[in-house]
Protein backbone atom coordinates (compact mmCIF):
# COMPACT_ATOMS: atom_id res chain seq x y z
CA MET A 1 120.45 109.43 106.21
CA LEU A 2 120.08 106.36 103.97
CA PHE A 3 119.10 102.77 105.69
CA SER A 4 121.77 101.98 103.27
CA SER A 5 124.74 103.96 105.03
CA VAL A 6 127.36 102.84 108.18
CA ILE A 7 126.68 106.37 109.50
CA PHE A 8 122.87 104.54 110.22
CA LEU A 9 123.89 101.08 110.41
CA PHE A 10 126.53 101.34 112.87
CA ALA A 11 125.33 104.43 114.81
CA PHE A 12 121.89 105.37 114.50
CA LEU A 13 119.73 102.55 114.93
CA PRO A 14 122.34 100.92 117.83
CA ILE A 15 122.02 104.08 119.40
CA CYS A 16 118.24 104.18 118.99
CA LEU A 17 117.18 100.73 119.59
CA ILE A 18 119.28 100.68 123.11
CA THR A 19 118.15 104.01 124.07
CA TYR A 20 114.38 102.97 123.45
CA TYR A 21 114.57 99.57 125.33
CA LEU A 22 116.26 101.20 128.05
CA THR A 23 113.79 103.77 128.23
CA PRO A 24 110.87 102.81 131.13
CA ARG A 25 107.37 102.06 129.09
CA PRO A 26 105.59 105.46 129.49
CA MET A 27 108.61 107.36 128.27
CA LYS A 28 109.33 105.04 124.78
CA ASN A 29 106.80 107.20 122.59
CA GLY A 30 108.48 110.53 123.40
CA VAL A 31 112.16 108.95 122.81
CA LEU A 32 111.40 107.23 119.74
CA LEU A 33 109.29 110.98 118.05
CA LEU A 34 113.02 112.40 119.40
CA PHE A 35 114.55 109.79 117.43
CA SER A 36 112.63 109.76 114.20
CA LEU A 37 112.75 113.71 114.12
CA PHE A 38 116.55 113.60 114.52
CA PHE A 39 116.64 111.14 112.14
CA TYR A 40 114.35 113.49 109.47
CA ALA A 41 116.44 116.52 110.92
CA TRP A 42 119.66 115.09 109.84
CA GLY A 43 118.98 115.45 105.42
CA GLU A 44 116.44 118.12 106.25
CA PRO A 45 117.41 120.07 109.35
CA ARG A 46 114.88 122.99 107.90
CA TYR A 47 112.24 121.25 106.70
CA VAL A 48 112.23 119.66 110.39
CA PHE A 49 109.99 122.83 111.15
CA LEU A 50 107.82 122.18 108.39
CA MET A 51 106.82 118.40 109.82
CA ILE A 52 106.00 120.20 113.18
CA LEU A 53 103.86 122.38 111.95
CA SER A 54 101.89 119.81 109.87
CA ILE A 55 101.84 117.62 113.21
CA VAL A 56 100.12 120.55 115.19
CA VAL A 57 97.62 122.10 112.46
CA ASN A 58 96.64 118.53 111.59
CA TYR A 59 96.36 117.16 115.75
CA PHE A 60 93.91 120.91 116.54
CA VAL A 61 91.83 119.75 112.69
CA GLY A 62 91.60 116.09 114.05
CA LEU A 63 90.03 117.42 117.80
CA ALA A 64 87.83 120.21 115.68
CA LEU A 65 86.37 116.87 113.33
CA SER A 66 86.14 114.65 116.07
CA ARG A 67 83.50 117.39 117.77
CA ARG A 68 81.63 118.58 115.14
CA ARG A 69 82.05 116.44 111.42
CA HIS A 70 81.94 119.46 109.44
CA LYS A 71 82.76 119.75 105.80
CA THR A 72 84.29 122.94 105.81
CA ILE A 73 86.99 121.98 108.52
CA LEU A 74 87.66 118.73 106.55
CA GLY A 75 87.76 120.82 103.45
CA LEU A 76 89.71 123.33 104.89
CA ALA A 77 92.03 120.74 106.36
CA ILE A 78 93.01 118.93 102.91
CA ALA A 79 93.21 121.91 101.34
CA PHE A 80 96.19 123.31 104.07
CA ASN A 81 97.96 119.89 103.34
CA LEU A 82 97.44 119.87 99.80
CA LEU A 83 98.23 123.35 99.23
CA VAL A 84 101.90 122.56 101.12
CA LEU A 85 102.69 119.92 99.04
CA ILE A 86 101.64 121.47 95.77
CA PHE A 87 104.18 124.82 96.98
CA PHE A 88 107.22 122.23 97.57
CA LYS A 89 106.58 119.67 95.24
CA TYR A 90 104.96 121.45 92.02
CA CYS A 91 105.17 125.02 92.22
CA GLY A 92 108.00 125.69 89.42
CA PHE A 93 106.15 123.09 87.29
CA LEU A 94 102.45 125.17 87.80
CA ILE A 95 104.19 128.33 86.49
CA SER A 96 106.10 126.64 83.64
CA THR A 97 103.35 125.00 82.38
CA PHE A 98 100.85 128.13 82.51
CA PHE A 99 103.49 130.24 80.40
CA GLY A 100 104.01 127.64 78.30
CA MET A 101 100.77 127.11 77.30
CA THR A 102 100.16 130.43 77.07
CA HIS A 103 102.98 131.31 75.11
CA LEU A 104 104.18 134.29 77.59
CA PRO A 105 107.34 135.15 78.25
CA PHE A 106 108.79 134.32 81.64
CA VAL A 107 111.66 133.77 83.51
CA LEU A 108 110.87 131.71 86.27
CA PRO A 109 111.28 133.43 89.78
CA ASP A 110 114.86 132.64 92.12
CA PHE A 111 112.74 131.76 94.93
CA VAL A 112 110.69 129.02 92.83
CA ALA A 113 113.78 127.81 91.55
CA ASN A 114 115.92 127.39 94.32
CA ILE A 115 112.57 125.62 96.31
CA ALA A 116 114.35 122.04 97.46
CA LEU A 117 111.72 119.55 97.66
CA PRO A 118 111.56 118.31 101.31
CA ILE A 119 112.08 114.13 101.38
CA GLY A 120 109.13 112.00 102.29
CA ILE A 121 106.61 115.01 101.88
CA SER A 122 104.54 113.02 99.50
CA PHE A 123 104.39 109.82 101.70
CA TYR A 124 103.63 111.71 104.80
CA THR A 125 101.38 113.94 103.20
CA PHE A 126 99.04 111.26 102.49
CA GLN A 127 99.32 109.44 105.88
CA ILE A 128 98.26 112.96 107.36
CA LEU A 129 95.20 113.03 104.95
CA SER A 130 94.02 109.50 105.29
CA TYR A 131 93.95 110.49 109.46
CA ILE A 132 92.03 113.19 109.02
CA ILE A 133 89.59 111.81 106.46
CA ASP A 134 89.03 108.60 108.62
CA VAL A 135 88.39 111.50 111.56
CA TYR A 136 85.81 112.78 109.88
CA ARG A 137 84.21 109.85 108.59
CA GLY A 138 84.05 108.10 112.26
CA LYS A 139 86.36 105.27 110.93
CA ALA A 140 89.23 106.29 113.27
CA ALA A 141 89.04 107.48 116.62
CA VAL A 142 90.95 111.20 117.38
CA GLN A 143 94.04 110.99 118.74
CA ASN A 144 94.28 113.35 122.14
CA ASN A 145 98.07 113.39 122.73
CA ILE A 146 99.96 115.27 120.27
CA LEU A 147 103.32 113.20 120.62
CA SER A 148 101.18 110.17 119.64
CA LEU A 149 99.75 111.99 116.68
CA GLY A 150 103.44 113.08 115.77
CA LEU A 151 105.12 109.84 116.56
CA TYR A 152 102.77 108.35 113.90
CA ILE A 153 103.77 111.53 111.50
CA SER A 154 106.89 111.25 111.68
CA LEU A 155 107.51 107.47 112.83
CA PHE A 156 111.37 107.01 110.59
CA PRO A 157 111.10 103.40 109.02
CA PRO A 158 108.38 104.62 106.65
CA LEU A 159 108.70 108.50 107.01
CA ILE A 160 110.76 108.64 103.81
CA ALA A 161 109.56 106.20 101.12
CA GLY A 162 106.61 104.76 102.69
CA PRO A 163 104.93 101.94 102.74
CA ILE A 164 101.81 104.86 103.46
CA VAL A 165 100.93 103.93 106.81
CA ARG A 166 96.96 104.33 107.79
CA TYR A 167 96.42 105.57 110.76
CA ASN A 168 93.96 102.45 111.77
CA ASP A 169 96.67 100.16 110.78
CA ILE A 170 98.95 101.18 114.04
CA ALA A 171 96.60 103.05 116.54
CA ARG A 172 96.82 100.43 119.00
CA GLN A 173 100.43 99.80 118.72
CA ILE A 174 101.34 103.54 119.41
CA VAL A 175 99.07 102.98 122.52
CA SER A 176 100.50 99.45 123.35
CA ARG A 177 102.69 96.86 121.37
CA THR A 178 105.34 94.38 122.23
CA ALA A 179 109.06 93.32 120.85
CA ASP A 180 109.73 90.30 121.69
CA PRO A 181 112.54 88.45 120.41
CA ASP A 182 111.16 86.83 117.56
CA LYS A 183 109.38 89.86 116.29
CA ILE A 184 112.86 91.62 116.68
CA THR A 185 114.76 88.69 115.10
CA ALA A 186 111.69 88.56 112.46
CA GLY A 187 112.15 92.29 111.80
CA ILE A 188 116.51 91.64 111.62
CA ARG A 189 115.68 89.28 109.25
CA ARG A 190 113.35 91.40 106.85
CA PHE A 191 116.24 94.24 107.51
CA ILE A 192 118.98 92.07 105.90
CA VAL A 193 116.65 90.70 102.65
CA GLY A 194 115.64 94.55 102.52
CA LEU A 195 119.64 96.06 102.60
CA SER A 196 120.64 93.32 99.91
CA LYS A 197 118.09 93.68 97.19
CA LYS A 198 119.07 97.67 97.65
CA VAL A 199 122.62 97.24 97.51
CA LEU A 200 123.73 93.54 95.94
CA LEU A 201 121.35 94.04 93.50
CA ALA A 202 119.52 97.65 92.79
CA ASN A 203 122.92 99.40 93.07
CA VAL A 204 124.49 97.08 90.68
CA PHE A 205 121.44 97.26 87.75
CA ALA A 206 121.53 100.94 88.33
CA GLN A 207 124.98 101.51 87.80
CA THR A 208 124.60 100.14 83.99
CA ALA A 209 120.93 101.18 83.91
CA ASP A 210 122.25 105.32 84.18
CA LYS A 211 125.34 104.42 81.73
CA ILE A 212 123.01 103.81 79.31
CA PHE A 213 120.26 106.39 79.79
CA ASP A 214 123.11 108.89 80.21
CA SER A 215 124.18 108.18 76.73
CA ALA A 216 123.80 109.69 73.51
CA PHE A 217 120.67 107.92 72.25
CA PRO A 218 121.80 107.42 68.52
CA SER A 219 125.02 105.76 69.98
CA LEU A 220 122.93 102.93 71.35
CA SER A 221 122.06 99.70 69.43
CA THR A 222 118.84 98.09 70.20
CA PRO A 223 120.39 95.13 72.30
CA ILE A 224 122.06 98.00 74.47
CA ALA A 225 118.39 99.81 74.77
CA TRP A 226 117.01 96.62 75.91
CA LEU A 227 119.51 95.65 78.40
CA GLY A 228 118.90 99.56 79.44
CA ILE A 229 115.16 99.33 80.45
CA VAL A 230 115.79 95.41 81.84
CA CYS A 231 118.22 96.60 84.32
CA TYR A 232 116.17 99.74 85.00
CA THR A 233 113.24 97.50 85.62
CA LEU A 234 114.96 95.64 88.14
CA GLN A 235 116.72 98.28 89.57
CA ILE A 236 113.24 100.21 90.79
CA TYR A 237 111.97 97.33 92.09
CA PHE A 238 114.83 96.04 94.19
CA ASP A 239 115.44 99.63 95.40
CA PHE A 240 111.71 100.46 96.18
CA SER A 241 111.25 96.80 97.41
CA GLY A 242 114.21 96.95 99.19
CA TYR A 243 113.27 99.94 101.00
CA SER A 244 110.14 98.97 102.15
CA ASP A 245 111.33 95.75 103.54
CA MET A 246 113.90 97.72 105.19
CA ALA A 247 110.79 99.88 106.59
CA ILE A 248 108.98 96.87 107.65
CA GLY A 249 112.19 95.06 109.38
CA LEU A 250 112.80 98.19 111.45
CA ALA A 251 108.91 98.38 112.55
CA LYS A 252 108.98 94.94 113.40
CA MET A 253 112.51 96.33 115.98
CA PHE A 254 110.17 98.43 117.68
CA GLY A 255 107.38 96.89 117.83
CA PHE A 256 105.18 98.03 115.11
CA ASP A 257 103.23 95.62 112.31
CA ILE A 258 103.12 97.84 109.18
CA PRO A 259 101.61 96.93 106.10
CA GLU A 260 103.13 94.98 102.95
CA ASN A 261 103.85 97.04 100.45
CA PHE A 262 105.08 94.56 97.60
CA ASN A 263 103.73 90.72 96.44
CA TYR A 264 105.95 90.27 93.44
CA PRO A 265 104.43 92.44 90.86
CA TYR A 266 106.57 91.35 87.98
CA ILE A 267 105.15 87.53 88.17
CA SER A 268 101.50 89.38 87.32
CA ARG A 269 99.50 88.60 84.42
CA SER A 270 97.40 91.60 83.63
CA VAL A 271 97.91 95.48 84.38
CA GLN A 272 94.96 95.12 86.90
CA GLU A 273 96.83 92.20 88.90
CA PHE A 274 100.14 94.18 88.50
CA TRP A 275 98.50 96.90 90.26
CA ARG A 276 97.48 94.52 93.35
CA ARG A 277 101.01 93.89 93.68
CA TRP A 278 103.16 96.97 93.18
CA HIS A 279 103.39 99.94 95.77
CA ILE A 280 100.31 98.28 97.57
CA SER A 281 99.67 100.99 100.21
CA LEU A 282 99.62 103.82 97.28
CA SER A 283 96.90 102.00 95.02
CA SER A 284 94.97 101.58 98.20
CA TRP A 285 95.31 104.91 99.34
CA PHE A 286 93.74 106.42 95.93
CA ARG A 287 90.99 103.23 95.72
CA ASP A 288 90.10 104.95 99.42
CA TYR A 289 90.37 108.23 99.24
CA VAL A 290 90.33 109.16 95.38
CA TYR A 291 88.34 106.60 93.56
CA ILE A 292 85.56 105.12 95.46
CA PRO A 293 84.61 108.70 96.61
CA LEU A 294 83.92 109.41 92.82
CA GLY A 295 81.90 106.63 92.85
CA GLY A 296 83.89 103.68 92.05
CA SER A 297 82.75 101.11 90.03
CA ARG A 298 78.59 101.95 91.13
CA LYS A 299 78.12 104.60 88.92
CA GLY A 300 78.09 102.62 84.92
CA LYS A 301 80.79 101.79 83.16
CA GLY A 302 81.47 105.21 81.76
CA ARG A 303 81.94 106.93 84.84
CA VAL A 304 84.42 103.69 86.13
CA LEU A 305 86.35 104.66 82.95
CA PHE A 306 86.39 108.37 83.89
CA ASN A 307 87.37 107.75 87.56
CA LEU A 308 90.33 105.10 86.34
CA ALA A 309 91.43 108.10 84.27
CA VAL A 310 91.37 110.80 86.97
CA VAL A 311 93.07 107.96 89.61
CA PHE A 312 96.30 107.82 87.27
CA PHE A 313 96.36 110.99 86.21
CA LEU A 314 96.56 111.79 90.00
CA CYS A 315 99.17 108.69 90.72
CA GLY A 316 101.55 109.64 88.12
CA LEU A 317 101.45 113.45 89.25
CA TRP A 318 102.29 111.98 92.70
CA HIS A 319 104.98 110.67 91.24
CA GLY A 320 107.03 114.26 90.23
CA ALA A 321 105.82 117.29 88.78
CA SER A 322 106.73 116.61 84.87
CA TRP A 323 104.47 115.55 82.07
CA SER A 324 106.80 112.47 81.50
CA PHE A 325 105.13 111.27 85.06
CA VAL A 326 101.71 112.11 84.16
CA ALA A 327 101.90 110.64 80.91
CA TRP A 328 103.54 107.24 82.55
CA GLY A 329 100.26 107.16 85.07
CA LEU A 330 98.09 107.79 82.09
CA TYR A 331 99.84 104.98 79.76
CA HIS A 332 98.87 102.62 82.77
CA GLY A 333 95.51 103.98 82.93
CA VAL A 334 94.60 103.21 79.19
CA PHE A 335 95.12 99.82 79.89
CA LEU A 336 93.61 99.50 83.07
CA ILE A 337 91.03 100.97 81.26
CA ALA A 338 91.27 98.28 77.68
CA GLU A 339 91.27 95.46 80.29
CA ARG A 340 87.83 96.40 82.15
CA LEU A 341 86.49 97.07 78.12
CA PHE A 342 87.94 94.03 76.53
CA LEU A 343 91.41 92.74 76.70
CA LYS A 344 90.96 90.78 79.90
CA ASP A 345 88.49 88.29 77.81
CA VAL A 346 91.19 88.78 75.23
CA LEU A 347 94.14 87.89 77.85
CA GLU A 348 91.79 84.94 79.65
CA LYS A 349 91.69 82.89 75.97
CA ILE A 350 95.80 83.01 75.77
CA PRO A 351 98.57 81.16 77.41
CA HIS A 352 99.91 82.13 81.02
CA PHE A 353 103.47 82.38 79.52
CA LEU A 354 102.45 85.15 76.39
CA ARG A 355 99.82 87.02 79.28
CA HIS A 356 103.24 87.37 81.43
CA VAL A 357 105.23 88.40 78.19
CA TYR A 358 102.35 90.87 77.52
CA LEU A 359 102.47 92.46 81.20
CA ILE A 360 106.06 92.79 80.97
CA THR A 361 106.43 94.75 78.35
CA VAL A 362 103.96 96.59 79.34
CA ILE A 363 105.41 97.59 82.03
CA MET A 364 108.87 98.30 80.74
CA VAL A 365 107.82 100.37 77.94
CA GLY A 366 105.83 101.97 80.72
CA TRP A 367 109.09 102.42 82.56
CA VAL A 368 110.84 104.52 79.89
CA PHE A 369 108.20 107.44 80.62
CA PHE A 370 109.44 106.95 83.91
CA ARG A 371 113.15 107.07 83.81
CA ILE A 372 113.48 109.66 81.13
CA THR A 373 112.17 113.06 82.11
CA GLN A 374 111.16 114.61 78.55
CA ILE A 375 108.41 112.63 76.08
CA ALA A 376 110.27 113.45 72.97
CA ASP A 377 113.70 111.91 74.16
CA ALA A 378 111.39 108.73 75.84
CA ALA A 379 110.05 108.58 72.06
CA ALA A 380 113.39 108.35 70.96
CA TYR A 381 114.66 105.69 73.27
CA LEU A 382 111.14 103.40 72.36
CA HIS A 383 112.07 103.58 69.15
CA ILE A 384 115.22 102.49 69.28
CA MET A 385 113.91 99.60 71.66
CA PHE A 386 111.20 98.42 68.83
CA THR A 387 113.79 99.49 65.36
CA PRO A 388 116.39 98.03 64.73
CA HIS A 389 119.43 100.05 65.38
CA ALA A 390 122.86 99.51 65.09
CA GLY A 391 124.16 102.35 67.19
CA ASP A 392 127.99 103.32 67.56
CA GLY A 393 129.12 99.92 68.83
CA ALA A 394 132.57 100.91 69.44
CA LEU A 395 131.50 103.49 72.04
CA VAL A 396 129.09 101.45 73.77
CA SER A 397 131.23 98.29 74.08
CA ALA A 398 133.69 100.28 75.39
CA THR A 399 131.55 101.44 78.77
CA ILE A 400 128.96 98.86 78.39
CA GLY A 401 128.54 95.52 78.84
CA LEU A 402 127.27 92.38 79.75
CA THR A 403 130.30 91.37 82.62
CA PRO A 404 129.92 87.99 84.18
CA HIS A 405 129.12 90.48 87.52
CA LEU A 406 126.31 91.49 85.39
CA VAL A 407 124.60 88.22 84.41
CA LEU A 408 124.78 86.62 87.70
CA VAL A 409 123.00 89.71 88.98
CA LEU A 410 120.41 89.59 86.37
CA LEU A 411 120.14 85.75 86.82
CA VAL A 412 120.14 86.61 90.50
CA GLY A 413 117.79 89.55 90.37
CA ILE A 414 115.04 87.56 87.95
CA LEU A 415 114.57 84.59 90.39
CA ALA A 416 114.08 87.03 93.14
CA SER A 417 111.55 88.70 91.48
CA ALA A 418 109.49 85.45 92.14
CA PRO A 419 108.28 83.87 95.26
CA VAL A 420 111.07 81.02 94.89
CA ALA A 421 111.60 81.48 98.65
CA GLY A 422 107.78 80.55 99.24
CA VAL A 423 107.51 77.48 96.83
CA VAL A 424 110.59 76.31 98.51
CA ARG A 425 109.02 76.46 102.40
CA ALA A 426 105.72 75.15 100.76
CA ARG A 427 107.65 71.80 99.33
CA THR A 428 108.74 71.72 102.85
CA GLN A 429 106.00 71.70 104.64
CA GLY A 430 105.76 68.79 107.28
CA ARG A 431 109.38 67.71 106.62
CA THR A 432 110.42 68.69 110.12
CA ALA A 433 114.49 68.02 109.57
CA LEU A 434 114.86 69.68 106.04
CA ARG A 435 112.72 72.58 107.22
CA LYS A 436 115.38 73.05 110.67
CA GLY A 437 118.41 72.44 108.10
CA LEU A 438 116.98 75.14 105.75
CA ALA A 439 116.28 77.65 108.31
CA ALA A 440 119.81 77.03 109.74
CA ALA A 441 121.40 77.51 106.41
CA GLU A 442 119.35 81.09 105.94
CA LEU A 443 120.92 82.43 109.20
CA VAL A 444 124.41 81.62 107.35
CA VAL A 445 122.89 83.24 104.05
CA LEU A 446 121.55 86.02 106.50
CA ALA A 447 125.14 86.97 108.02
CA LEU A 448 127.40 86.47 104.26
CA LEU A 449 124.78 88.60 103.00
CA PHE A 450 124.76 91.27 105.42
CA MET A 451 128.59 91.33 105.45
CA MET A 452 128.81 91.78 101.91
CA CYS A 453 126.55 94.61 102.21
CA ILE A 454 128.83 96.40 104.49
CA ALA A 455 131.76 95.68 102.14
CA ALA A 456 130.06 97.04 99.18
CA LEU A 457 128.72 99.66 101.27
CA ALA A 458 132.51 100.76 102.34
CA SER A 459 133.81 100.07 98.86
CA ASP A 460 131.15 101.83 96.54
CA SER A 461 129.79 105.50 96.75
CA TYR A 462 126.57 104.85 94.52
CA ASN A 463 123.92 104.61 96.75
CA PRO A 464 120.55 106.68 95.97
CA PHE A 465 117.03 105.71 96.46
CA ILE A 466 114.74 106.15 93.70
CA TYR A 467 111.80 106.91 95.77
CA PHE A 468 113.37 109.65 97.59
CA ARG A 469 113.00 111.65 94.94
CA PHE A 470 109.17 111.71 95.62
């Protein structure tokens, strides 16, 4: 079930909210757990039982670790959770890679080829791992109530595509939380902003990006290839940050405060800064549970570079069972390593504008590997981008073009990628009358945006989320 769907907006969400707030306080967690499992079962009826199994197993693992912090128990628990993830997400990839490296003839078994990826498994697996590791480390108190642990793992707002919520972030909120009118209103506002990002921006960029990337590459000209990657760069940001905004807004409606996941990453001036702003919950997860345990920056420069390479290899692999994702992760790792070795000193000596151009160019090249599953095809697309290529102008102009609507959405998208609203708020600080006027205007704009989203959803069937694949 998509947040940006009519059935969610006008059936599931209102029924869930009404039921939740009519339920006595001691039963609210149980009600929200049932709705969360129903939400997951709507799209994955078989795999809801896999989630329940994960809840039960890790509940008892947590209890065992709270009584005896034994590395064997932790190791077995980590292995169980990772093996579940590997089986459903990487089984076919690993088998194909093995036989490809050995050059032995093989046919992928039907039962492997037909394994469907449970939606959100990468996200909730990392949440489970953070819980059991933190219990082992003594950084989190064990959850003795299986329903409360189940709610943490299956809470529907961040369930499908994050943010990845640490147990410590909401442990107290599971036990006791309040949702006053101000928080509910803030949640509704945040949800509408996220919905608008997805429906009015990301979906428009996606239609153009898909046409270009699905075309025969020799037919593309260099400007059209750049248009494709610009649209995809904006699409993936507004698609993913829009989902995160909706998840954060929905959580607020039920009294939860979950962490931010984006902080205007495209205004960054280095790859290091980009990863402090992009998918914050994932990058901080890898920092705390992989990079630091490997030694972090404590064991010399050589070990730091090795640790970064490992982290970004795993980061790429986390995103998908494909060597193109691995290439994307290692590509970012190379630039991070270069910035630590020498590039940071170079960047600090050049104008801010050129540093920003450097970052955006690096990121867009990386998105080519992210978007195109075959590395050879990605290399061909990059060749068209960086060498003059006329393409088949007649074919391309018949299907792809800078329509007035696309131009308008591109301009809005570029502006919305920067903290314009924050600048306006800062400039109006202390000017009470102006701030009240802006607050009233904001309500009108949000109402108009919501109506535009509903109209777009009613008239357009294109609505997938990119990160549902992960």
